[in-house]
């Protein structure tokens, strides 16, 4: 329903023509290849590989494609991954119709579209050190309530190594304890809400 409403709203613009809609990342790629739109709006969370995978696939086929993420997800990692994949912009669904129309025109003209709130998220993410893959595994298990002994057994590590990873994670996330580290990791999108 949201997609249909969005399409109907965009059709009100005299210079816009909605050529296709898609329910999944796989379908989005197929529709893109069939219609070759000037600007593609894509959500982060979709079936069939998701929006970020679809952006990568579209850009592999057509490097000049202009894809804009339009989503409710404002986690730093989601934004980072979308922009790394080659998205021209990252818009939140809370924007106004006028802002969306202006953003589409801006991207059509070849300009990037990153609103100030999204740019702040990118800057915050880029200002801090990234967690290593093993650190992400550790903090995800902490978020699920696992004790150090359980984390060690799950990952094939010693408890001392787990404590070392936690010390590193706390420093990188500027957190004083496990709960704060999990909270920061969720807020940045390093781990999902379901882990907390």
N, C-alpha and C. Protein backbone atom coordinates (compact mmCIF):
# COMPACT_ATOMS: atom_id res chain seq x y z
N UNK A 1 0.82 -1.20 0.00
CA UNK A 1 0.00 0.00 0.00
C UNK A 1 0.86 1.26 0.00
N UNK A 2 1.94 1.22 0.78
CA UNK A 2 2.83 2.38 0.83
C UNK A 2 3.44 2.63 -0.54
N UNK A 3 3.88 1.54 -1.19
CA UNK A 3 4.49 1.66 -2.51
C UNK A 3 3.50 2.21 -3.52
N UNK A 4 2.26 1.72 -3.47
CA UNK A 4 1.23 2.20 -4.39
C UNK A 4 0.92 3.68 -4.15
N UNK A 5 0.87 4.06 -2.88
CA UNK A 5 0.62 5.47 -2.54
C UNK A 5 1.74 6.37 -3.02
N UNK A 6 2.95 5.90 -2.86
CA UNK A 6 4.12 6.66 -3.32
C UNK A 6 4.08 6.83 -4.84
N UNK A 7 3.78 5.75 -5.54
CA UNK A 7 3.71 5.81 -7.00
C UNK A 7 2.63 6.79 -7.44
N UNK A 8 1.46 6.73 -6.81
CA UNK A 8 0.36 7.63 -7.16
C UNK A 8 0.74 9.09 -6.90
N UNK A 9 1.43 9.33 -5.79
CA UNK A 9 1.85 10.69 -5.44
C UNK A 9 2.84 11.23 -6.47
N UNK A 10 3.80 10.39 -6.88
CA UNK A 10 4.82 10.85 -7.83
C UNK A 10 4.22 11.09 -9.22
N UNK A 11 3.18 10.35 -9.56
CA UNK A 11 2.53 10.52 -10.87
C UNK A 11 1.85 11.88 -10.99
N UNK A 12 1.62 12.54 -9.86
CA UNK A 12 1.00 13.87 -9.88
C UNK A 12 1.93 14.93 -10.47
N UNK A 13 3.23 14.63 -10.47
CA UNK A 13 4.20 15.57 -11.03
C UNK A 13 4.20 15.44 -12.55
N UNK A 14 4.03 16.56 -13.24
CA UNK A 14 3.92 16.53 -14.71
C UNK A 14 5.15 15.93 -15.39
N UNK A 15 6.32 16.13 -14.80
CA UNK A 15 7.55 15.65 -15.43
C UNK A 15 8.00 14.28 -14.91
N UNK A 16 7.18 13.61 -14.10
CA UNK A 16 7.51 12.29 -13.57
C UNK A 16 6.63 11.24 -14.24
N UNK A 17 7.22 10.07 -14.43
CA UNK A 17 6.44 8.93 -14.93
C UNK A 17 6.96 7.68 -14.22
N UNK A 18 6.11 7.06 -13.42
CA UNK A 18 6.49 5.83 -12.72
C UNK A 18 6.39 4.68 -13.70
N UNK A 19 7.52 4.04 -13.97
CA UNK A 19 7.54 2.99 -15.00
C UNK A 19 7.38 1.58 -14.43
N UNK A 20 7.68 1.39 -13.12
CA UNK A 20 7.59 0.05 -12.56
C UNK A 20 7.62 0.11 -11.03
N UNK A 21 7.16 -0.98 -10.44
CA UNK A 21 7.24 -1.17 -8.99
C UNK A 21 7.76 -2.58 -8.75
N UNK A 22 8.38 -2.79 -7.60
CA UNK A 22 8.93 -4.11 -7.28
C UNK A 22 8.73 -4.42 -5.80
N UNK A 23 8.52 -5.71 -5.50
CA UNK A 23 8.31 -6.14 -4.12
C UNK A 23 9.58 -6.67 -3.47
N UNK A 24 10.57 -7.03 -4.27
CA UNK A 24 11.79 -7.63 -3.72
C UNK A 24 13.01 -7.07 -4.44
N UNK A 25 14.17 -7.35 -3.87
CA UNK A 25 15.41 -6.93 -4.51
C UNK A 25 15.61 -7.57 -5.86
N UNK A 26 15.27 -8.84 -5.96
CA UNK A 26 15.39 -9.56 -7.23
C UNK A 26 14.47 -8.96 -8.28
N UNK A 27 13.23 -8.69 -7.87
CA UNK A 27 12.25 -8.09 -8.78
C UNK A 27 12.69 -6.68 -9.18
N UNK A 28 13.28 -5.94 -8.22
CA UNK A 28 13.76 -4.58 -8.52
C UNK A 28 14.81 -4.60 -9.62
N UNK A 29 15.74 -5.56 -9.55
CA UNK A 29 16.77 -5.68 -10.59
C UNK A 29 16.12 -5.99 -11.93
N UNK A 30 15.19 -6.95 -11.94
CA UNK A 30 14.51 -7.32 -13.20
C UNK A 30 13.76 -6.14 -13.80
N UNK A 31 13.04 -5.40 -12.96
CA UNK A 31 12.28 -4.24 -13.43
C UNK A 31 13.23 -3.14 -13.93
N UNK A 32 14.33 -2.97 -13.21
CA UNK A 32 15.30 -1.96 -13.65
C UNK A 32 15.83 -2.30 -15.04
N UNK A 33 16.24 -3.56 -15.22
CA UNK A 33 16.80 -3.97 -16.50
C UNK A 33 15.78 -3.88 -17.63
N UNK A 34 14.52 -4.08 -17.31
CA UNK A 34 13.47 -4.00 -18.33
C UNK A 34 13.16 -2.56 -18.72
N UNK A 35 13.06 -1.66 -17.72
CA UNK A 35 12.60 -0.29 -17.99
C UNK A 35 13.68 0.78 -17.99
N UNK A 36 14.85 0.50 -17.38
CA UNK A 36 15.96 1.46 -17.31
C UNK A 36 15.50 2.85 -16.86
N UNK A 37 14.94 2.97 -15.66
CA UNK A 37 14.46 4.29 -15.19
C UNK A 37 15.61 5.28 -14.98
N UNK A 38 15.28 6.56 -15.07
CA UNK A 38 16.28 7.61 -14.83
C UNK A 38 16.70 7.62 -13.36
N UNK A 39 15.72 7.42 -12.46
CA UNK A 39 15.98 7.39 -11.02
C UNK A 39 15.20 6.22 -10.43
N UNK A 40 15.85 5.46 -9.58
CA UNK A 40 15.21 4.32 -8.92
C UNK A 40 15.15 4.59 -7.42
N UNK A 41 13.97 4.43 -6.83
CA UNK A 41 13.81 4.51 -5.38
C UNK A 41 13.83 3.09 -4.84
N UNK A 42 14.61 2.87 -3.78
CA UNK A 42 14.80 1.52 -3.25
C UNK A 42 14.73 1.56 -1.73
N UNK A 43 14.09 0.55 -1.14
CA UNK A 43 14.07 0.44 0.31
C UNK A 43 15.22 -0.45 0.76
N UNK A 44 15.64 -0.30 2.01
CA UNK A 44 16.72 -1.12 2.55
C UNK A 44 16.24 -2.56 2.76
N UNK A 45 15.11 -2.68 3.45
CA UNK A 45 14.59 -4.00 3.81
C UNK A 45 13.57 -4.46 2.76
N UNK A 46 13.96 -5.44 1.98
CA UNK A 46 13.08 -6.05 0.99
C UNK A 46 13.41 -7.53 0.95
N UNK A 47 12.48 -8.32 0.49
CA UNK A 47 12.78 -9.73 0.29
C UNK A 47 13.72 -9.87 -0.91
N UNK A 48 14.10 -11.08 -1.22
CA UNK A 48 14.90 -11.34 -2.42
C UNK A 48 16.25 -10.66 -2.41
N UNK A 49 16.96 -10.71 -1.28
CA UNK A 49 18.31 -10.15 -1.22
C UNK A 49 18.39 -8.76 -0.63
N UNK A 50 17.28 -8.07 -0.52
CA UNK A 50 17.29 -6.75 0.10
C UNK A 50 17.72 -5.64 -0.84
N UNK A 51 17.49 -4.42 -0.38
CA UNK A 51 17.74 -3.25 -1.21
C UNK A 51 19.20 -2.97 -1.50
N UNK A 52 20.07 -3.20 -0.55
CA UNK A 52 21.48 -2.90 -0.76
C UNK A 52 22.07 -3.86 -1.80
N UNK A 53 21.71 -5.13 -1.70
CA UNK A 53 22.17 -6.10 -2.70
C UNK A 53 21.62 -5.73 -4.08
N UNK A 54 20.39 -5.25 -4.12
CA UNK A 54 19.79 -4.84 -5.40
C UNK A 54 20.53 -3.65 -5.99
N UNK A 55 20.92 -2.69 -5.15
CA UNK A 55 21.69 -1.53 -5.63
C UNK A 55 23.00 -2.01 -6.25
N UNK A 56 23.70 -2.89 -5.56
CA UNK A 56 24.96 -3.42 -6.10
C UNK A 56 24.74 -4.10 -7.44
N UNK A 57 23.70 -4.93 -7.51
CA UNK A 57 23.42 -5.67 -8.75
C UNK A 57 23.06 -4.72 -9.89
N UNK A 58 22.27 -3.71 -9.60
CA UNK A 58 21.90 -2.72 -10.62
C UNK A 58 23.14 -2.00 -11.14
N UNK A 59 24.00 -1.58 -10.21
CA UNK A 59 25.19 -0.83 -10.61
C UNK A 59 26.23 -1.70 -11.33
N UNK A 60 26.22 -3.00 -11.05
CA UNK A 60 27.10 -3.90 -11.81
C UNK A 60 26.66 -3.94 -13.27
N UNK A 61 25.35 -3.94 -13.48
CA UNK A 61 24.79 -3.98 -14.84
C UNK A 61 24.86 -2.62 -15.53
N UNK A 62 24.60 -1.56 -14.75
CA UNK A 62 24.53 -0.21 -15.30
C UNK A 62 25.23 0.76 -14.34
N UNK A 63 26.53 0.95 -14.47
CA UNK A 63 27.28 1.79 -13.53
C UNK A 63 26.76 3.23 -13.41
N UNK A 64 26.09 3.74 -14.43
CA UNK A 64 25.59 5.12 -14.38
C UNK A 64 24.21 5.22 -13.74
N UNK A 65 23.64 4.11 -13.27
CA UNK A 65 22.30 4.13 -12.67
C UNK A 65 22.28 5.04 -11.45
N UNK A 66 21.14 5.68 -11.25
CA UNK A 66 20.97 6.58 -10.09
C UNK A 66 19.90 5.99 -9.18
N UNK A 67 20.36 5.44 -8.06
CA UNK A 67 19.47 4.79 -7.11
C UNK A 67 19.46 5.58 -5.81
N UNK A 68 18.27 5.81 -5.29
CA UNK A 68 18.11 6.54 -4.03
C UNK A 68 17.43 5.61 -3.04
N UNK A 69 18.01 5.48 -1.86
CA UNK A 69 17.37 4.69 -0.82
C UNK A 69 16.29 5.56 -0.18
N UNK A 70 15.09 5.01 -0.05
CA UNK A 70 13.96 5.68 0.60
C UNK A 70 13.44 4.69 1.63
N UNK A 71 13.71 4.96 2.89
CA UNK A 71 13.50 3.94 3.91
C UNK A 71 13.16 4.56 5.26
N UNK A 72 12.74 3.73 6.19
CA UNK A 72 12.50 4.18 7.56
C UNK A 72 13.73 3.93 8.43
N UNK A 73 14.72 3.22 7.91
CA UNK A 73 15.88 2.82 8.69
C UNK A 73 16.97 3.88 8.66
N UNK A 74 17.30 4.40 9.84
CA UNK A 74 18.32 5.46 9.90
C UNK A 74 19.55 5.05 10.70
N UNK A 75 19.81 3.75 10.76
CA UNK A 75 21.01 3.26 11.47
C UNK A 75 22.25 3.61 10.67
N UNK A 76 23.31 3.95 11.39
CA UNK A 76 24.56 4.37 10.74
C UNK A 76 25.10 3.31 9.78
N UNK A 77 25.03 2.05 10.18
CA UNK A 77 25.58 0.99 9.32
C UNK A 77 24.75 0.83 8.05
N UNK A 78 23.41 0.95 8.16
CA UNK A 78 22.56 0.86 6.96
C UNK A 78 22.91 1.98 5.97
N UNK A 79 23.03 3.19 6.50
CA UNK A 79 23.36 4.33 5.65
C UNK A 79 24.72 4.12 4.99
N UNK A 80 25.70 3.73 5.80
CA UNK A 80 27.05 3.50 5.29
C UNK A 80 27.05 2.44 4.18
N UNK A 81 26.38 1.31 4.42
CA UNK A 81 26.37 0.23 3.43
C UNK A 81 25.67 0.66 2.15
N UNK A 82 24.59 1.42 2.27
CA UNK A 82 23.87 1.88 1.07
C UNK A 82 24.73 2.82 0.24
N UNK A 83 25.40 3.75 0.90
CA UNK A 83 26.25 4.70 0.18
C UNK A 83 27.48 4.00 -0.40
N UNK A 84 28.03 3.04 0.36
CA UNK A 84 29.16 2.25 -0.15
C UNK A 84 28.76 1.44 -1.38
N UNK A 85 27.51 0.99 -1.39
CA UNK A 85 27.01 0.20 -2.53
C UNK A 85 26.84 1.06 -3.77
N UNK A 86 26.79 2.39 -3.59
CA UNK A 86 26.69 3.29 -4.73
C UNK A 86 25.40 4.08 -4.83
N UNK A 87 24.59 4.06 -3.76
CA UNK A 87 23.35 4.85 -3.79
C UNK A 87 23.69 6.33 -3.93
N UNK A 88 22.89 7.03 -4.73
CA UNK A 88 23.07 8.47 -4.93
C UNK A 88 22.55 9.28 -3.76
N UNK A 89 21.65 8.69 -3.00
CA UNK A 89 21.08 9.40 -1.88
C UNK A 89 20.48 8.45 -0.88
N UNK A 90 20.16 9.00 0.29
CA UNK A 90 19.56 8.21 1.36
C UNK A 90 18.52 9.09 2.02
N UNK A 91 17.25 8.77 1.78
CA UNK A 91 16.15 9.58 2.30
C UNK A 91 15.32 8.77 3.27
N UNK A 92 14.83 9.42 4.29
CA UNK A 92 13.95 8.77 5.25
C UNK A 92 12.50 9.03 4.85
N UNK A 93 11.64 8.05 5.09
CA UNK A 93 10.25 8.15 4.67
C UNK A 93 9.49 9.25 5.41
N UNK A 94 10.10 9.83 6.41
CA UNK A 94 9.46 10.92 7.14
C UNK A 94 9.55 12.25 6.40
N UNK A 95 10.26 12.30 5.25
CA UNK A 95 10.37 13.56 4.51
C UNK A 95 9.03 13.93 3.89
N UNK A 96 8.90 15.19 3.53
CA UNK A 96 7.66 15.67 2.92
C UNK A 96 7.65 15.32 1.43
N UNK A 97 6.48 15.40 0.84
CA UNK A 97 6.33 15.14 -0.59
C UNK A 97 7.22 16.10 -1.39
N UNK A 98 7.20 17.37 -1.00
CA UNK A 98 7.99 18.38 -1.70
C UNK A 98 9.48 18.04 -1.63
N UNK A 99 9.95 17.62 -0.45
CA UNK A 99 11.37 17.26 -0.29
C UNK A 99 11.73 16.05 -1.15
N UNK A 100 10.82 15.08 -1.22
CA UNK A 100 11.08 13.90 -2.03
C UNK A 100 11.17 14.26 -3.51
N UNK A 101 10.23 15.06 -3.98
CA UNK A 101 10.23 15.47 -5.39
C UNK A 101 11.50 16.24 -5.72
N UNK A 102 11.90 17.15 -4.83
CA UNK A 102 13.12 17.93 -5.06
C UNK A 102 14.35 17.01 -5.07
N UNK A 103 14.36 16.02 -4.18
CA UNK A 103 15.49 15.08 -4.12
C UNK A 103 15.59 14.26 -5.40
N UNK A 104 14.46 13.81 -5.91
CA UNK A 104 14.47 13.02 -7.15
C UNK A 104 14.99 13.88 -8.30
N UNK A 105 14.54 15.12 -8.36
CA UNK A 105 15.02 16.02 -9.43
C UNK A 105 16.53 16.27 -9.29
N UNK A 106 16.98 16.43 -8.05
CA UNK A 106 18.40 16.67 -7.78
C UNK A 106 19.24 15.47 -8.25
N UNK A 107 18.80 14.26 -7.93
CA UNK A 107 19.52 13.05 -8.34
C UNK A 107 19.46 12.90 -9.85
N UNK A 108 18.32 13.20 -10.45
CA UNK A 108 18.18 13.12 -11.91
C UNK A 108 19.19 14.05 -12.58
N UNK A 109 19.47 15.18 -11.93
CA UNK A 109 20.44 16.14 -12.47
C UNK A 109 21.88 15.72 -12.21
N UNK A 110 22.07 14.58 -11.54
CA UNK A 110 23.42 14.07 -11.33
C UNK A 110 24.04 14.43 -10.00
N UNK A 111 23.25 15.00 -9.09
CA UNK A 111 23.77 15.39 -7.78
C UNK A 111 23.42 14.35 -6.74
N UNK A 112 24.29 14.20 -5.75
CA UNK A 112 24.01 13.33 -4.61
C UNK A 112 22.96 14.00 -3.73
N UNK A 113 22.22 13.19 -2.98
CA UNK A 113 21.19 13.74 -2.10
C UNK A 113 21.28 13.09 -0.73
N UNK A 114 21.96 13.79 0.18
CA UNK A 114 22.13 13.30 1.53
C UNK A 114 21.67 14.41 2.47
N UNK A 115 20.46 14.31 3.01
CA UNK A 115 19.95 15.34 3.91
C UNK A 115 20.84 15.53 5.14
N UNK A 116 20.80 16.69 5.78
CA UNK A 116 21.67 16.97 6.93
C UNK A 116 21.61 15.92 8.04
N UNK A 117 20.42 15.42 8.38
CA UNK A 117 20.30 14.44 9.46
C UNK A 117 21.04 13.15 9.10
N UNK A 118 20.95 12.75 7.84
CA UNK A 118 21.65 11.55 7.38
C UNK A 118 23.15 11.80 7.33
N UNK A 119 23.55 12.97 6.87
CA UNK A 119 24.97 13.33 6.82
C UNK A 119 25.59 13.31 8.22
N UNK A 120 24.83 13.74 9.22
CA UNK A 120 25.32 13.70 10.60
C UNK A 120 25.57 12.26 11.04
N UNK A 121 24.65 11.36 10.67
CA UNK A 121 24.83 9.94 11.01
C UNK A 121 26.10 9.40 10.36
N UNK A 122 26.32 9.75 9.10
CA UNK A 122 27.53 9.31 8.39
C UNK A 122 28.77 9.85 9.09
N UNK A 123 28.75 11.12 9.45
CA UNK A 123 29.90 11.74 10.11
C UNK A 123 30.18 11.08 11.46
N UNK A 124 29.12 10.79 12.23
CA UNK A 124 29.31 10.13 13.53
C UNK A 124 29.91 8.75 13.35
N UNK A 125 29.42 8.01 12.35
CA UNK A 125 29.95 6.67 12.11
C UNK A 125 31.41 6.74 11.70
N UNK A 126 31.72 7.67 10.82
CA UNK A 126 33.08 7.78 10.31
C UNK A 126 34.06 8.35 11.32
N UNK A 127 33.55 9.02 12.35
CA UNK A 127 34.45 9.63 13.33
C UNK A 127 34.97 8.63 14.35
N UNK A 128 34.29 7.49 14.47
CA UNK A 128 34.73 6.50 15.44
C UNK A 128 35.35 5.30 14.77
N UNK A 129 36.18 4.55 15.51
CA UNK A 129 36.78 3.35 14.93
C UNK A 129 35.72 2.27 14.69
N UNK A 130 35.93 1.47 13.67
CA UNK A 130 35.01 0.39 13.34
C UNK A 130 35.34 -0.85 14.15
N UNK A 131 34.32 -1.66 14.40
CA UNK A 131 34.56 -2.93 15.07
C UNK A 131 35.01 -3.97 14.05
N UNK A 132 35.94 -4.80 14.47
CA UNK A 132 36.40 -5.92 13.64
C UNK A 132 35.30 -6.98 13.60
N UNK A 133 35.31 -7.85 12.59
CA UNK A 133 34.27 -8.88 12.50
C UNK A 133 34.11 -9.71 13.77
N UNK A 134 35.22 -10.10 14.40
CA UNK A 134 35.12 -10.90 15.64
C UNK A 134 34.51 -10.07 16.77
N UNK A 135 34.83 -8.78 16.82
CA UNK A 135 34.23 -7.91 17.84
C UNK A 135 32.72 -7.80 17.63
N UNK A 136 32.29 -7.77 16.39
CA UNK A 136 30.85 -7.72 16.10
C UNK A 136 30.18 -9.00 16.58
N UNK A 137 30.83 -10.15 16.37
CA UNK A 137 30.28 -11.41 16.86
C UNK A 137 30.16 -11.39 18.38
N UNK A 138 31.18 -10.87 19.05
CA UNK A 138 31.17 -10.82 20.51
C UNK A 138 30.05 -9.90 21.01
N UNK A 139 29.94 -8.71 20.47
CA UNK A 139 28.92 -7.78 20.97
C UNK A 139 27.51 -8.29 20.63
N UNK A 140 27.36 -9.01 19.53
CA UNK A 140 26.06 -9.59 19.20
C UNK A 140 25.65 -10.62 20.25
N UNK A 141 26.61 -11.43 20.68
CA UNK A 141 26.32 -12.43 21.71
C UNK A 141 26.07 -11.77 23.06
N UNK A 142 26.79 -10.69 23.36
CA UNK A 142 26.52 -9.93 24.58
C UNK A 142 25.09 -9.41 24.53
N UNK A 143 24.67 -8.91 23.36
CA UNK A 143 23.31 -8.40 23.19
C UNK A 143 22.25 -9.46 23.40
N UNK A 144 22.61 -10.71 23.16
CA UNK A 144 21.66 -11.82 23.38
C UNK A 144 21.68 -12.30 24.82
N UNK A 145 22.51 -11.67 25.66
CA UNK A 145 22.55 -12.01 27.08
C UNK A 145 23.57 -13.06 27.45
N UNK A 146 24.47 -13.40 26.54
CA UNK A 146 25.48 -14.43 26.82
C UNK A 146 26.55 -13.91 27.77
N UNK A 147 26.95 -14.79 28.70
CA UNK A 147 28.06 -14.48 29.61
C UNK A 147 29.37 -14.75 28.88
N UNK A 148 30.47 -14.25 29.45
CA UNK A 148 31.78 -14.42 28.82
C UNK A 148 32.10 -15.89 28.54
N UNK A 149 31.76 -16.77 29.51
CA UNK A 149 32.04 -18.19 29.35
C UNK A 149 31.27 -18.76 28.16
N UNK A 150 30.00 -18.33 27.99
CA UNK A 150 29.17 -18.80 26.87
C UNK A 150 29.70 -18.26 25.54
N UNK A 151 30.14 -17.00 25.55
CA UNK A 151 30.70 -16.40 24.32
C UNK A 151 31.96 -17.16 23.93
N UNK A 152 32.82 -17.44 24.92
CA UNK A 152 34.07 -18.16 24.66
C UNK A 152 33.78 -19.52 24.04
N UNK A 153 32.82 -20.25 24.60
CA UNK A 153 32.48 -21.58 24.09
C UNK A 153 31.89 -21.48 22.68
N UNK A 154 31.04 -20.50 22.47
CA UNK A 154 30.36 -20.34 21.18
C UNK A 154 31.34 -20.00 20.06
N UNK A 155 32.36 -19.18 20.37
CA UNK A 155 33.29 -18.71 19.35
C UNK A 155 34.63 -19.45 19.36
N UNK A 156 34.78 -20.42 20.27
CA UNK A 156 36.04 -21.17 20.33
C UNK A 156 37.20 -20.34 20.83
N UNK A 157 36.92 -19.46 21.80
CA UNK A 157 37.94 -18.57 22.36
C UNK A 157 38.12 -18.87 23.84
N UNK A 158 39.17 -18.31 24.43
CA UNK A 158 39.31 -18.39 25.88
C UNK A 158 38.54 -17.23 26.50
N UNK A 159 38.19 -17.37 27.78
CA UNK A 159 37.48 -16.27 28.46
C UNK A 159 38.35 -15.01 28.51
N UNK A 160 39.68 -15.19 28.65
CA UNK A 160 40.58 -14.02 28.65
C UNK A 160 40.51 -13.29 27.32
N UNK A 161 40.44 -14.03 26.23
CA UNK A 161 40.35 -13.40 24.91
C UNK A 161 39.03 -12.65 24.77
N UNK A 162 37.94 -13.23 25.28
CA UNK A 162 36.64 -12.55 25.25
C UNK A 162 36.72 -11.25 26.04
N UNK A 163 37.34 -11.30 27.21
CA UNK A 163 37.49 -10.07 28.02
C UNK A 163 38.31 -9.03 27.26
N UNK A 164 39.34 -9.48 26.55
CA UNK A 164 40.17 -8.56 25.75
C UNK A 164 39.32 -7.91 24.65
N UNK A 165 38.51 -8.74 23.96
CA UNK A 165 37.63 -8.19 22.92
C UNK A 165 36.64 -7.18 23.51
N UNK A 166 36.09 -7.51 24.67
CA UNK A 166 35.13 -6.58 25.29
C UNK A 166 35.80 -5.25 25.65
N UNK A 167 37.02 -5.32 26.16
CA UNK A 167 37.75 -4.09 26.50
C UNK A 167 37.94 -3.24 25.24
N UNK A 168 38.30 -3.88 24.13
CA UNK A 168 38.47 -3.18 22.86
C UNK A 168 37.15 -2.58 22.37
N UNK A 169 36.08 -3.36 22.48
CA UNK A 169 34.75 -2.90 22.05
C UNK A 169 34.32 -1.69 22.87
N UNK A 170 34.49 -1.76 24.19
CA UNK A 170 34.11 -0.64 25.06
C UNK A 170 34.86 0.63 24.65
N UNK A 171 36.15 0.48 24.36
CA UNK A 171 36.96 1.64 23.97
C UNK A 171 36.48 2.21 22.64
N UNK A 172 36.25 1.34 21.67
CA UNK A 172 35.83 1.80 20.34
C UNK A 172 34.45 2.44 20.34
N UNK A 173 33.55 1.91 21.19
CA UNK A 173 32.18 2.45 21.24
C UNK A 173 32.02 3.51 22.32
N UNK A 174 33.11 3.81 23.03
CA UNK A 174 33.08 4.80 24.11
C UNK A 174 31.99 4.43 25.12
N UNK A 175 32.00 3.15 25.52
CA UNK A 175 31.01 2.63 26.45
C UNK A 175 31.69 2.19 27.74
N UNK A 176 30.98 2.33 28.85
CA UNK A 176 31.58 1.99 30.13
C UNK A 176 31.22 0.58 30.60
N UNK A 177 30.18 -0.02 30.01
CA UNK A 177 29.80 -1.37 30.42
C UNK A 177 29.10 -2.10 29.27
N UNK A 178 28.72 -3.35 29.53
CA UNK A 178 28.11 -4.19 28.50
C UNK A 178 26.80 -3.59 27.98
N UNK A 179 25.95 -3.14 28.88
CA UNK A 179 24.64 -2.61 28.47
C UNK A 179 24.81 -1.38 27.57
N UNK A 180 25.72 -0.49 27.94
CA UNK A 180 25.94 0.71 27.13
C UNK A 180 26.55 0.34 25.77
N UNK A 181 27.45 -0.63 25.75
CA UNK A 181 28.06 -1.07 24.49
C UNK A 181 27.00 -1.65 23.55
N UNK A 182 26.10 -2.46 24.09
CA UNK A 182 25.02 -3.03 23.28
C UNK A 182 24.12 -1.92 22.75
N UNK A 183 23.79 -0.97 23.63
CA UNK A 183 22.93 0.15 23.22
C UNK A 183 23.55 0.96 22.09
N UNK A 184 24.83 1.25 22.19
CA UNK A 184 25.53 2.00 21.15
C UNK A 184 25.59 1.19 19.86
N UNK A 185 25.88 -0.11 19.99
CA UNK A 185 25.96 -0.98 18.80
C UNK A 185 24.62 -1.06 18.08
N UNK A 186 23.53 -1.10 18.83
CA UNK A 186 22.20 -1.12 18.21
C UNK A 186 21.92 0.22 17.54
N UNK A 187 22.21 1.30 18.24
CA UNK A 187 21.95 2.65 17.69
C UNK A 187 22.74 2.88 16.40
N UNK A 188 23.97 2.39 16.36
CA UNK A 188 24.79 2.55 15.14
C UNK A 188 24.44 1.54 14.06
N UNK A 189 23.62 0.54 14.41
CA UNK A 189 23.24 -0.46 13.42
C UNK A 189 24.27 -1.56 13.24
N UNK A 190 25.21 -1.67 14.19
CA UNK A 190 26.23 -2.72 14.12
C UNK A 190 25.58 -4.08 14.37
N UNK A 191 24.65 -4.09 15.33
CA UNK A 191 23.84 -5.28 15.57
C UNK A 191 22.37 -4.85 15.52
N UNK A 192 21.49 -5.80 15.31
CA UNK A 192 20.07 -5.50 15.21
C UNK A 192 19.41 -5.38 16.57
N UNK A 193 18.24 -4.74 16.59
CA UNK A 193 17.48 -4.57 17.82
C UNK A 193 17.13 -5.90 18.47
N UNK A 194 16.98 -6.94 17.65
CA UNK A 194 16.56 -8.23 18.20
C UNK A 194 17.60 -8.82 19.11
N UNK A 195 18.88 -8.32 19.00
CA UNK A 195 19.92 -8.85 19.85
C UNK A 195 19.84 -8.26 21.25
N UNK A 196 19.24 -7.06 21.35
CA UNK A 196 19.23 -6.40 22.66
C UNK A 196 18.07 -6.80 23.50
